[in-house]
Amino acid sequence: MTQPFDLAQTDHLLTTTRSVRKRLDFTRPVPRDVVLECLQIALQAPSGGNSQPWRWLIIDDDDKKSRVAELYRKAHDPYMEMNRAVAEQAGKLDSMEKIMDSSSYLSEHMHEVPLMVIPCLLQRLPEGASVADTAGFYGSILPAAWSFMLALRSRGLGSAWTTLHLNYEHDVAEILGIPDTVTQTALLPVAYYTGEDFKPAPRRPVEEIVYVNGWKQR
């Protein structure tokens, strides 16, 4: 007989795995074997045709982390200035301030994270790829990346899905020796988190965002 999951524990993990930026412990080393254990779990995630078209690049060399972080900041700062201007114009600056402050904090300290992980796909999308091709392409890495973040969370580590370094993907590839045929999909800073009070975030009621059998049919 199949043993049931502990739903309370499972639901707690799923509803309290946050993007961690300001509560990453930059002073505590992250052992590679812990990250490899989490990746071993992540590799159980589905991929298109079970092709498993991925590679996972761990970066814990201080010089390489600093060079990648510098490119991340180079992309982040103008991006954040633009978002701040848009939020101010829309009268939403106050509600967005916390998120933008958290994002800026991570950008400023990215070089201090004990370890970075870059999930990669072993091919590139052709120019003008269809919606179906694009969905299938990234759908072969996103489930595994989320499983990785969940596995980190269950072991007291935090991360955040970031992509701004992709504005300088070629430069990052040169630093890390990534071939031109490979696509970087994200940059995941990894560190032990501080505190134990993560909780579900405010979200709209499910009744407001679910349609049944047709658009806007509830």
C-alpha atoms as a PDB file:
ATOM      1  CA  MET A   1       0.000   0.000   0.000  1.00  0.00           C
ATOM      2  CA  THR A   2       1.315   3.422  -0.971  1.00  0.00           C
ATOM      3  CA  GLN A   3       2.204   5.559   2.002  1.00  0.00           C
ATOM      4  CA  PRO A   4       0.444   8.949   1.912  1.00  0.00           C
ATOM      5  CA  PHE A   5       2.465  12.136   1.957  1.00  0.00           C
ATOM      6  CA  ASP A   6       2.505  14.286   5.033  1.00  0.00           C
ATOM      7  CA  LEU A   7       0.322  16.944   3.420  1.00  0.00           C
ATOM      8  CA  ALA A   8       0.990  19.522   6.121  1.00  0.00           C
ATOM      9  CA  GLN A   9       4.742  19.310   5.549  1.00  0.00           C
ATOM     10  CA  THR A  10       4.418  19.130   1.766  1.00  0.00           C
ATOM     11  CA  ASP A  11       2.045  22.088   1.604  1.00  0.00           C
ATOM     12  CA  HIS A  12       4.272  24.068   3.974  1.00  0.00           C
ATOM     13  CA  LEU A  13       7.271  23.510   1.691  1.00  0.00           C
ATOM     14  CA  LEU A  14       5.327  24.469  -1.418  1.00  0.00           C
ATOM     15  CA  THR A  15       3.735  27.591   0.065  1.00  0.00           C
ATOM     16  CA  THR A  16       6.787  28.967   1.885  1.00  0.00           C
ATOM     17  CA  THR A  17       9.509  28.559  -0.740  1.00  0.00           C
ATOM     18  CA  ARG A  18      10.185  32.198  -1.505  1.00  0.00           C
ATOM     19  CA  SER A  19      12.646  34.091  -3.666  1.00  0.00           C
ATOM     20  CA  VAL A  20      15.215  34.831  -0.969  1.00  0.00           C
ATOM     21  CA  ARG A  21      17.338  37.937  -1.472  1.00  0.00           C
ATOM     22  CA  LYS A  22      17.813  39.926   1.738  1.00  0.00           C
ATOM     23  CA  ARG A  23      17.970  36.915   4.045  1.00  0.00           C
ATOM     24  CA  LEU A  24      20.814  35.031   2.395  1.00  0.00           C
ATOM     25  CA  ASP A  25      23.721  34.291   4.734  1.00  0.00           C
ATOM     26  CA  PHE A  26      26.802  35.448   2.843  1.00  0.00           C
ATOM     27  CA  THR A  27      29.161  34.330   5.620  1.00  0.00           C
ATOM     28  CA  ARG A  28      28.282  30.626   5.800  1.00  0.00           C
ATOM     29  CA  PRO A  29      29.889  28.356   3.179  1.00  0.00           C
ATOM     30  CA  VAL A  30      27.640  26.093   1.118  1.00  0.00           C
ATOM     31  CA  PRO A  31      29.142  22.607   0.643  1.00  0.00           C
ATOM     32  CA  ARG A  32      29.116  21.399  -2.938  1.00  0.00           C
ATOM     33  CA  ASP A  33      27.830  17.996  -1.870  1.00  0.00           C
ATOM     34  CA  VAL A  34      24.648  19.570  -0.492  1.00  0.00           C
ATOM     35  CA  VAL A  35      24.050  21.310  -3.818  1.00  0.00           C
ATOM     36  CA  LEU A  36      24.764  18.103  -5.719  1.00  0.00           C
ATOM     37  CA  GLU A  37      22.258  16.284  -3.498  1.00  0.00           C
ATOM     38  CA  CYS A  38      19.616  18.886  -4.372  1.00  0.00           C
ATOM     39  CA  LEU A  39      20.465  18.635  -8.063  1.00  0.00           C
ATOM     40  CA  GLN A  40      20.172  14.840  -7.920  1.00  0.00           C
ATOM     41  CA  ILE A  41      16.595  15.367  -6.746  1.00  0.00           C
ATOM     42  CA  ALA A  42      15.968  18.024  -9.399  1.00  0.00           C
ATOM     43  CA  LEU A  43      17.018  15.636 -12.152  1.00  0.00           C
ATOM     44  CA  GLN A  44      13.883  13.593 -11.465  1.00  0.00           C
ATOM     45  CA  ALA A  45      11.792  16.412 -12.946  1.00  0.00           C
ATOM     46  CA  PRO A  46      10.138  15.809 -16.324  1.00  0.00           C
ATOM     47  CA  SER A  47      11.566  17.151 -19.573  1.00  0.00           C
ATOM     48  CA  GLY A  48      10.294  17.080 -23.145  1.00  0.00           C
ATOM     49  CA  GLY A  49      10.491  13.528 -24.475  1.00  0.00           C
ATOM     50  CA  ASN A  50      12.490  12.675 -21.354  1.00  0.00           C
ATOM     51  CA  SER A  51      15.431  14.162 -23.245  1.00  0.00           C
ATOM     52  CA  GLN A  52      16.992  15.713 -20.114  1.00  0.00           C
ATOM     53  CA  PRO A  53      18.710  18.358 -22.284  1.00  0.00           C
ATOM     54  CA  TRP A  54      20.351  20.145 -19.387  1.00  0.00           C
ATOM     55  CA  ARG A  55      23.647  20.938 -17.753  1.00  0.00           C
ATOM     56  CA  TRP A  56      24.015  22.648 -14.357  1.00  0.00           C
ATOM     57  CA  LEU A  57      26.977  24.935 -13.808  1.00  0.00           C
ATOM     58  CA  ILE A  58      28.079  25.494 -10.187  1.00  0.00           C
ATOM     59  CA  ILE A  59      30.222  28.571  -9.575  1.00  0.00           C
ATOM     60  CA  ASP A  60      32.038  28.961  -6.274  1.00  0.00           C
ATOM     61  CA  ASP A  61      35.298  30.492  -7.497  1.00  0.00           C
ATOM     62  CA  ASP A  62      35.522  33.994  -5.991  1.00  0.00           C
ATOM     63  CA  ASP A  63      36.983  35.649  -9.076  1.00  0.00           C
ATOM     64  CA  LYS A  64      34.414  34.172 -11.449  1.00  0.00           C
ATOM     65  CA  LYS A  65      31.559  34.976  -9.080  1.00  0.00           C
ATOM     66  CA  SER A  66      32.724  38.590  -8.909  1.00  0.00           C
ATOM     67  CA  ARG A  67      32.970  38.918 -12.681  1.00  0.00           C
ATOM     68  CA  VAL A  68      29.515  37.415 -13.224  1.00  0.00           C
ATOM     69  CA  ALA A  69      28.072  39.584 -10.437  1.00  0.00           C
ATOM     70  CA  GLU A  70      29.541  42.703 -12.052  1.00  0.00           C
ATOM     71  CA  LEU A  71      27.704  41.918 -15.277  1.00  0.00           C
ATOM     72  CA  TYR A  72      24.528  41.230 -13.307  1.00  0.00           C
ATOM     73  CA  ARG A  73      24.758  44.681 -11.686  1.00  0.00           C
ATOM     74  CA  LYS A  74      25.480  46.265 -15.055  1.00  0.00           C
ATOM     75  CA  ALA A  75      22.138  44.912 -16.283  1.00  0.00           C
ATOM     76  CA  HIS A  76      20.258  45.408 -13.024  1.00  0.00           C
ATOM     77  CA  ASP A  77      20.833  49.103 -12.362  1.00  0.00           C
ATOM     78  CA  PRO A  78      19.287  50.554 -15.563  1.00  0.00           C
ATOM     79  CA  TYR A  79      16.533  47.943 -15.391  1.00  0.00           C
ATOM     80  CA  MET A  80      15.655  49.019 -11.859  1.00  0.00           C
ATOM     81  CA  GLU A  81      15.760  52.713 -12.753  1.00  0.00           C
ATOM     82  CA  MET A  82      13.285  52.044 -15.566  1.00  0.00           C
ATOM     83  CA  ASN A  83      10.983  50.038 -13.275  1.00  0.00           C
ATOM     84  CA  ARG A  84      11.124  52.724 -10.609  1.00  0.00           C
ATOM     85  CA  ALA A  85      10.150  55.386 -13.141  1.00  0.00           C
ATOM     86  CA  VAL A  86       7.256  53.258 -14.455  1.00  0.00           C
ATOM     87  CA  ALA A  87       6.008  52.526 -10.928  1.00  0.00           C
ATOM     88  CA  GLU A  88       6.193  56.197  -9.971  1.00  0.00           C
ATOM     89  CA  GLN A  89       4.306  57.252 -13.086  1.00  0.00           C
ATOM     90  CA  ALA A  90       1.608  54.659 -12.346  1.00  0.00           C
ATOM     91  CA  GLY A  91       1.354  55.776  -8.726  1.00  0.00           C
ATOM     92  CA  LYS A  92       2.515  52.348  -7.499  1.00  0.00           C
ATOM     93  CA  LEU A  93       5.935  53.259  -6.169  1.00  0.00           C
ATOM     94  CA  ASP A  94       4.983  52.691  -2.529  1.00  0.00           C
ATOM     95  CA  SER A  95       3.636  49.191  -3.178  1.00  0.00           C
ATOM     96  CA  MET A  96       6.672  48.250  -5.277  1.00  0.00           C
ATOM     97  CA  GLU A  97       9.317  49.753  -3.008  1.00  0.00           C
ATOM     98  CA  LYS A  98       9.868  46.616  -0.929  1.00  0.00           C
ATOM     99  CA  ILE A  99      10.366  44.398  -3.967  1.00  0.00           C
ATOM    100  CA  MET A 100      12.693  46.867  -5.674  1.00  0.00           C
ATOM    101  CA  ASP A 101      14.708  47.346  -2.493  1.00  0.00           C
ATOM    102  CA  SER A 102      15.090  43.565  -2.153  1.00  0.00           C
ATOM    103  CA  SER A 103      16.181  43.252  -5.767  1.00  0.00           C
ATOM    104  CA  SER A 104      18.740  46.044  -5.399  1.00  0.00           C
ATOM    105  CA  TYR A 105      20.116  44.494  -2.236  1.00  0.00           C
ATOM    106  CA  LEU A 106      20.769  41.198  -4.000  1.00  0.00           C
ATOM    107  CA  SER A 107      22.375  42.978  -6.931  1.00  0.00           C
ATOM    108  CA  GLU A 108      24.725  44.885  -4.624  1.00  0.00           C
ATOM    109  CA  HIS A 109      25.730  41.698  -2.796  1.00  0.00           C
ATOM    110  CA  MET A 110      25.611  39.155  -5.620  1.00  0.00           C
ATOM    111  CA  HIS A 111      29.389  38.721  -5.550  1.00  0.00           C
ATOM    112  CA  GLU A 112      29.150  37.678  -1.884  1.00  0.00           C
ATOM    113  CA  VAL A 113      26.866  34.683  -2.363  1.00  0.00           C
ATOM    114  CA  PRO A 114      28.710  31.477  -1.449  1.00  0.00           C
ATOM    115  CA  LEU A 115      27.657  29.777  -4.646  1.00  0.00           C
ATOM    116  CA  MET A 116      25.820  30.349  -7.922  1.00  0.00           C
ATOM    117  CA  VAL A 117      24.078  27.804 -10.128  1.00  0.00           C
ATOM    118  CA  ILE A 118      23.327  28.402 -13.810  1.00  0.00           C
ATOM    119  CA  PRO A 119      20.878  25.894 -15.352  1.00  0.00           C
ATOM    120  CA  CYS A 120      21.634  25.477 -19.044  1.00  0.00           C
ATOM    121  CA  LEU A 121      20.005  23.830 -22.045  1.00  0.00           C
ATOM    122  CA  LEU A 122      22.177  22.027 -24.593  1.00  0.00           C
ATOM    123  CA  GLN A 123      20.701  23.802 -27.599  1.00  0.00           C
ATOM    124  CA  ARG A 124      19.419  27.198 -28.655  1.00  0.00           C
ATOM    125  CA  LEU A 125      16.038  28.254 -29.926  1.00  0.00           C
ATOM    126  CA  PRO A 126      16.026  29.022 -33.647  1.00  0.00           C
ATOM    127  CA  GLU A 127      15.344  32.606 -34.629  1.00  0.00           C
ATOM    128  CA  GLY A 128      11.617  33.209 -34.879  1.00  0.00           C
ATOM    129  CA  ALA A 129      10.779  30.135 -32.804  1.00  0.00           C
ATOM    130  CA  SER A 130       7.066  29.473 -32.387  1.00  0.00           C
ATOM    131  CA  VAL A 131       5.192  29.770 -29.111  1.00  0.00           C
ATOM    132  CA  ALA A 132       4.977  25.971 -28.992  1.00  0.00           C
ATOM    133  CA  ASP A 133       8.717  25.569 -29.541  1.00  0.00           C
ATOM    134  CA  THR A 134       9.529  28.186 -26.927  1.00  0.00           C
ATOM    135  CA  ALA A 135       7.191  26.620 -24.368  1.00  0.00           C
ATOM    136  CA  GLY A 136       8.649  23.171 -24.942  1.00  0.00           C
ATOM    137  CA  PHE A 137      12.200  24.507 -24.822  1.00  0.00           C
ATOM    138  CA  TYR A 138      11.963  26.212 -21.432  1.00  0.00           C
ATOM    139  CA  GLY A 139       9.502  23.606 -20.199  1.00  0.00           C
ATOM    140  CA  SER A 140      12.405  21.168 -20.261  1.00  0.00           C
ATOM    141  CA  ILE A 141      14.337  23.083 -17.574  1.00  0.00           C
ATOM    142  CA  LEU A 142      11.837  25.037 -15.460  1.00  0.00           C
ATOM    143  CA  PRO A 143      10.340  22.051 -13.570  1.00  0.00           C
ATOM    144  CA  ALA A 144      13.844  20.840 -12.646  1.00  0.00           C
ATOM    145  CA  ALA A 145      14.942  24.309 -11.557  1.00  0.00           C
ATOM    146  CA  TRP A 146      11.910  24.652  -9.282  1.00  0.00           C
ATOM    147  CA  SER A 147      12.524  21.189  -7.843  1.00  0.00           C
ATOM    148  CA  PHE A 148      16.085  22.292  -7.126  1.00  0.00           C
ATOM    149  CA  MET A 149      14.864  25.378  -5.277  1.00  0.00           C
ATOM    150  CA  LEU A 150      12.414  23.272  -3.254  1.00  0.00           C
ATOM    151  CA  ALA A 151      15.176  20.823  -2.346  1.00  0.00           C
ATOM    152  CA  LEU A 152      17.347  23.745  -1.241  1.00  0.00           C
ATOM    153  CA  ARG A 153      14.556  25.133   0.912  1.00  0.00           C
ATOM    154  CA  SER A 154      14.029  21.796   2.667  1.00  0.00           C
ATOM    155  CA  ARG A 155      17.713  21.842   3.647  1.00  0.00           C
ATOM    156  CA  GLY A 156      17.773  25.380   4.997  1.00  0.00           C
ATOM    157  CA  LEU A 157      19.060  27.072   1.848  1.00  0.00           C
ATOM    158  CA  GLY A 158      17.480  29.859  -0.148  1.00  0.00           C
ATOM    159  CA  SER A 159      17.693  31.066  -3.710  1.00  0.00           C
ATOM    160  CA  ALA A 160      16.023  33.371  -6.213  1.00  0.00           C
ATOM    161  CA  TRP A 161      15.243  32.953  -9.892  1.00  0.00           C
ATOM    162  CA  THR A 162      17.163  35.733 -11.664  1.00  0.00           C
ATOM    163  CA  THR A 163      17.786  36.317 -15.367  1.00  0.00           C
ATOM    164  CA  LEU A 164      19.293  39.791 -15.721  1.00  0.00           C
ATOM    165  CA  HIS A 165      22.769  38.424 -16.393  1.00  0.00           C
ATOM    166  CA  LEU A 166      21.362  37.157 -19.701  1.00  0.00           C
ATOM    167  CA  ASN A 167      21.634  40.711 -21.036  1.00  0.00           C
ATOM    168  CA  TYR A 168      25.324  39.850 -21.139  1.00  0.00           C
ATOM    169  CA  GLU A 169      24.990  36.135 -21.844  1.00  0.00           C
ATOM    170  CA  HIS A 170      27.931  36.087 -24.260  1.00  0.00           C
ATOM    171  CA  ASP A 171      30.233  37.785 -21.739  1.00  0.00           C
ATOM    172  CA  VAL A 172      29.193  35.356 -18.997  1.00  0.00           C
ATOM    173  CA  ALA A 173      29.745  32.473 -21.412  1.00  0.00           C
ATOM    174  CA  GLU A 174      33.292  33.691 -22.068  1.00  0.00           C
ATOM    175  CA  ILE A 175      34.046  33.881 -18.340  1.00  0.00           C
ATOM    176  CA  LEU A 176      32.762  30.358 -17.742  1.00  0.00           C
ATOM    177  CA  GLY A 177      33.727  28.672 -21.013  1.00  0.00           C
ATOM    178  CA  ILE A 178      30.129  27.953 -22.020  1.00  0.00           C
ATOM    179  CA  PRO A 179      29.832  26.950 -25.726  1.00  0.00           C
ATOM    180  CA  ASP A 180      27.834  29.108 -28.143  1.00  0.00           C
ATOM    181  CA  THR A 181      25.459  26.178 -28.724  1.00  0.00           C
ATOM    182  CA  VAL A 182      24.296  26.233 -25.079  1.00  0.00           C
ATOM    183  CA  THR A 183      21.551  28.457 -23.611  1.00  0.00           C
ATOM    184  CA  GLN A 184      21.846  29.829 -20.099  1.00  0.00           C
ATOM    185  CA  THR A 185      18.347  30.012 -18.634  1.00  0.00           C
ATOM    186  CA  ALA A 186      18.828  31.647 -15.219  1.00  0.00           C
ATOM    187  CA  LEU A 187      21.261  32.536 -12.468  1.00  0.00           C
ATOM    188  CA  LEU A 188      20.405  31.080  -9.045  1.00  0.00           C
ATOM    189  CA  PRO A 189      22.285  32.549  -6.073  1.00  0.00           C
ATOM    190  CA  VAL A 190      22.503  29.892  -3.346  1.00  0.00           C
ATOM    191  CA  ALA A 191      23.091  30.456   0.365  1.00  0.00           C
ATOM    192  CA  TYR A 192      21.788  29.339   3.726  1.00  0.00           C
ATOM    193  CA  TYR A 193      18.945  31.613   4.761  1.00  0.00           C
ATOM    194  CA  THR A 194      18.517  33.401   8.064  1.00  0.00           C
ATOM    195  CA  GLY A 195      15.401  33.052  10.211  1.00  0.00           C
ATOM    196  CA  GLU A 196      12.647  30.447  10.108  1.00  0.00           C
ATOM    197  CA  ASP A 197       9.530  32.554   9.679  1.00  0.00           C
ATOM    198  CA  PHE A 198       8.842  32.155   5.954  1.00  0.00           C
ATOM    199  CA  LYS A 199       5.115  32.102   5.329  1.00  0.00           C
ATOM    200  CA  PRO A 200       2.686  32.043   2.419  1.00  0.00           C
ATOM    201  CA  ALA A 201       2.661  35.294   0.458  1.00  0.00           C
ATOM    202  CA  PRO A 202      -0.483  37.336  -0.224  1.00  0.00           C
ATOM    203  CA  ARG A 203      -2.189  36.039  -3.340  1.00  0.00           C
ATOM    204  CA  ARG A 204      -5.553  36.639  -4.999  1.00  0.00           C
ATOM    205  CA  PRO A 205      -8.285  34.100  -4.147  1.00  0.00           C
ATOM    206  CA  VAL A 206      -8.254  31.117  -6.471  1.00  0.00           C
ATOM    207  CA  GLU A 207     -11.868  31.873  -7.445  1.00  0.00           C
ATOM    208  CA  GLU A 208     -10.716  35.142  -9.044  1.00  0.00           C
ATOM    209  CA  ILE A 209      -8.071  33.649 -11.310  1.00  0.00           C
ATOM    210  CA  VAL A 210      -9.543  30.282 -12.366  1.00  0.00           C
ATOM    211  CA  TYR A 211     -11.853  29.882 -15.359  1.00  0.00           C
ATOM    212  CA  VAL A 212     -13.742  26.695 -16.238  1.00  0.00           C
ATOM    213  CA  ASN A 213     -14.416  25.461 -19.795  1.00  0.00           C
ATOM    214  CA  GLY A 214     -13.966  28.911 -21.295  1.00  0.00           C
ATOM    215  CA  TRP A 215     -12.218  32.255 -20.853  1.00  0.00           C
ATOM    216  CA  LYS A 216     -13.695  34.277 -17.999  1.00  0.00           C
ATOM    217  CA  GLN A 217     -16.210  31.519 -17.225  1.00  0.00           C
ATOM    218  CA  ARG A 218     -16.211  30.789 -13.509  1.00  0.00           C
END
